[in-house]
Protein backbone atom coordinates (compact mmCIF):
# COMPACT_ATOMS: atom_id res chain seq x y z
CA MET A 1 19.55 2.64 2.40
CA MET A 2 16.31 1.17 3.73
CA ALA A 3 13.86 2.50 6.38
CA TRP A 4 10.99 1.05 8.21
CA TYR A 5 8.62 3.18 10.11
CA VAL A 6 4.97 2.69 11.49
CA ASP A 7 2.64 5.12 9.81
CA ALA A 8 0.01 5.20 12.63
CA THR A 9 -2.08 7.56 10.49
CA LYS A 10 -2.24 4.64 7.46
CA GLY A 11 -2.25 1.74 10.06
CA CYS A 12 0.44 -0.33 7.95
CA GLU A 13 3.98 -0.80 8.01
CA ARG A 14 6.17 1.09 5.46
CA GLU A 15 9.24 0.47 4.22
CA THR A 16 11.09 3.25 1.94
CA LEU A 17 13.99 2.20 -0.37
CA MET A 18 15.75 5.53 -0.77
CA GLU A 19 16.83 4.50 -4.31
CA HIS A 20 13.21 4.26 -5.49
CA GLY A 21 13.65 0.52 -6.47
CA THR A 22 10.94 -0.92 -4.73
CA ILE A 23 7.74 -0.06 -2.29
CA GLU A 24 6.78 -2.41 0.39
CA ARG A 25 3.87 -2.00 2.41
CA ASP A 26 2.47 -4.38 5.29
CA ILE A 27 -1.08 -4.20 6.76
CA HIS A 28 -2.97 -6.54 8.85
CA VAL A 29 -6.85 -7.59 8.22
CA ASP A 30 -9.27 -9.46 10.51
CA ALA A 31 -10.18 -12.06 7.61
CA SER A 32 -9.09 -15.40 6.45
CA LEU A 33 -6.53 -15.83 3.77
CA GLU A 34 -9.41 -17.11 1.44
CA VAL A 35 -11.28 -13.87 1.62
CA VAL A 36 -8.14 -11.62 1.55
CA PHE A 37 -7.37 -13.62 -1.46
CA GLU A 38 -10.51 -13.28 -3.22
CA VAL A 39 -10.32 -9.51 -2.81
CA ILE A 40 -7.04 -8.89 -4.09
CA SER A 41 -7.41 -11.19 -7.38
CA ARG A 42 -10.96 -10.95 -8.52
CA PRO A 43 -12.00 -7.95 -10.63
CA GLU A 44 -15.31 -7.65 -8.96
CA HIS A 45 -13.67 -7.12 -5.75
CA MET A 46 -10.43 -4.90 -6.92
CA ARG A 47 -12.82 -2.18 -8.25
CA GLU A 48 -14.36 -1.86 -4.77
CA TRP A 49 -10.79 -0.55 -3.63
CA TRP A 50 -8.22 0.44 -6.06
CA PRO A 51 -9.43 1.33 -9.73
CA ASP A 52 -12.81 2.53 -10.96
CA ASP A 53 -12.83 -0.44 -13.17
CA ALA A 54 -11.02 -3.66 -13.49
CA ARG A 55 -11.29 -6.15 -16.30
CA PHE A 56 -9.02 -9.66 -16.39
CA GLU A 57 -9.43 -12.91 -15.50
CA PRO A 58 -7.44 -14.22 -12.40
CA VAL A 59 -5.52 -16.80 -14.61
CA GLU A 60 -1.57 -16.59 -15.15
CA GLY A 61 -0.71 -15.03 -18.01
CA ALA A 62 -4.54 -13.30 -18.71
CA PRO A 63 -4.24 -9.46 -19.59
CA GLY A 64 -6.51 -6.99 -18.54
CA GLU A 65 -7.16 -3.23 -17.82
CA LEU A 66 -7.17 -1.14 -14.86
CA VAL A 67 -9.35 2.05 -15.35
CA TRP A 68 -9.69 5.09 -13.42
CA ARG A 69 -12.16 8.00 -13.75
CA ASN A 70 -11.34 11.56 -13.05
CA ALA A 71 -14.61 12.62 -10.75
CA GLU A 72 -14.12 16.22 -12.20
CA THR A 73 -13.83 15.77 -15.74
CA GLY A 74 -15.14 12.16 -16.80
CA ASP A 75 -11.96 11.73 -18.21
CA THR A 76 -10.41 8.07 -17.80
CA THR A 77 -7.14 6.54 -17.65
CA THR A 78 -6.68 2.83 -18.79
CA VAL A 79 -3.53 0.82 -17.79
CA ALA A 80 -2.57 -2.39 -19.46
CA PHE A 81 -2.37 -4.94 -16.62
CA THR A 82 -1.19 -8.57 -16.90
CA VAL A 83 -1.64 -11.59 -14.17
CA VAL A 84 1.67 -12.96 -13.30
CA GLU A 85 1.18 -15.15 -10.56
CA VAL A 86 -1.94 -16.88 -9.17
CA ASP A 87 -1.46 -18.90 -5.99
CA PRO A 88 -4.33 -19.42 -3.72
CA PRO A 89 -4.52 -18.34 -0.93
CA ASN A 90 -1.18 -17.10 -0.51
CA ARG A 91 -0.02 -14.82 -3.56
CA PHE A 92 -1.43 -12.81 -6.10
CA SER A 93 0.91 -10.78 -8.82
CA PHE A 94 0.78 -8.48 -11.53
CA GLN A 95 2.54 -6.34 -14.20
CA TRP A 96 1.39 -3.01 -14.87
CA CYS A 97 2.78 0.34 -16.41
CA PHE A 98 4.22 -1.15 -19.21
CA SER A 99 6.73 0.90 -21.16
CA GLU A 100 5.43 -0.03 -24.54
CA PRO A 101 1.56 -0.28 -25.61
CA ASP A 102 1.87 -3.89 -26.62
CA ARG A 103 2.63 -4.82 -23.21
CA SER A 104 6.55 -5.29 -24.12
CA GLY A 105 9.19 -3.28 -22.23
CA ALA A 106 9.77 -2.66 -18.71
CA SER A 107 7.00 -2.83 -16.46
CA LEU A 108 5.96 -2.64 -12.68
CA LEU A 109 5.69 -5.87 -10.76
CA VAL A 110 3.19 -6.00 -8.12
CA THR A 111 3.26 -8.74 -5.61
CA PHE A 112 0.57 -9.19 -2.48
CA ASP A 113 2.02 -11.99 -0.34
CA LEU A 114 -0.71 -13.31 2.55
CA MET A 115 0.51 -14.71 5.55
CA PRO A 116 -2.10 -16.04 8.39
CA THR A 117 -1.83 -14.45 11.93
CA PRO A 118 -3.64 -15.39 15.01
CA THR A 119 -6.40 -12.82 14.36
CA GLY A 120 -6.48 -12.72 10.44
CA THR A 121 -3.82 -12.09 7.34
CA ARG A 122 -1.00 -9.83 7.15
CA ILE A 123 -0.74 -8.25 3.43
CA ARG A 124 2.72 -7.58 2.26
CA MET A 125 2.20 -5.75 -0.87
CA THR A 126 5.14 -5.25 -3.03
CA GLU A 127 5.54 -3.33 -5.90
CA SER A 128 9.39 -3.22 -7.80
CA GLY A 129 10.64 -2.36 -10.97
CA PHE A 130 10.88 1.47 -11.17
CA ARG A 131 14.84 1.78 -11.60
CA GLU A 132 14.19 -0.49 -14.73
CA MET A 133 11.75 1.63 -16.60
CA GLY A 134 14.46 3.53 -18.07
CA TRP A 135 12.68 6.95 -16.90
CA GLU A 136 15.02 10.50 -15.81
CA ILE A 137 15.79 10.68 -12.68
CA ALA A 138 12.95 13.20 -12.14
CA VAL A 139 10.48 11.17 -13.59
CA LEU A 140 11.52 8.32 -11.76
CA GLU A 141 11.13 10.09 -8.25
CA GLU A 142 7.72 11.65 -9.47
CA GLN A 143 6.62 8.05 -10.45
CA TYR A 144 7.68 6.49 -7.39
CA HIS A 145 6.32 8.93 -5.04
CA GLU A 146 3.02 9.23 -6.84
CA HIS A 147 2.99 5.13 -6.56
CA GLU A 148 3.88 5.43 -2.51
CA THR A 149 0.90 8.00 -1.91
CA GLY A 150 -1.64 5.57 -3.93
CA TRP A 151 -0.75 2.95 -1.94
CA ASP A 152 -0.84 4.52 1.30
CA HIS A 153 -4.63 5.56 0.16
CA TYR A 154 -5.52 2.53 -1.20
CA LEU A 155 -4.14 -0.21 1.23
CA PRO A 156 -6.28 1.00 4.06
CA VAL A 157 -9.40 1.12 1.72
CA LEU A 158 -8.61 -2.36 1.07
CA ALA A 159 -8.53 -3.04 4.85
CA ALA A 160 -11.97 -1.26 5.08
CA TYR A 161 -13.68 -3.04 2.43
CA VAL A 162 -12.62 -6.52 3.70
CA ALA A 163 -13.97 -5.77 6.88
CA ARG A 164 -17.14 -4.48 5.20
CA LEU A 165 -17.15 -7.88 3.88
CA VAL A 166 -16.70 -9.68 6.85
CA SER A 167 -18.97 -8.06 8.70
CA THR A 168 -21.97 -8.51 6.43
CA SER A 169 -21.17 -12.51 6.24
């Protein structure tokens, strides 16, 4: 079962697949495909809108890490990351949240597809692979909802970061 709706408070279209398989979000930014591609595919830009640190080369097959810091405790969480596809300026995708520490087994796939619009770029973010992770249903639901909440927070931050970049250039 699929439901589309526009979340006016977030400024992006949301698609929710009730079986917890895929998350899709669309957001529009007033910037060229080339600018947006740099923001989603380069670690120096990515760390401005998503993780506290990102370490990877934007090359297909390149391993990397995403790091988040807890502001209250200073503790960090590091997540393995592997670049899957780099197709400038149209698509960037990566795997993360591997089920095994050596980056084997199931993982989640995040894909950013960029499409030109008359006033900028439409970004479609798709995250898939939740059902394939092998989680118990309660864990699956929890992880799915955490990722939904995360993307609903970070995609507007991405749009604001792009707007700041464009306004200063």
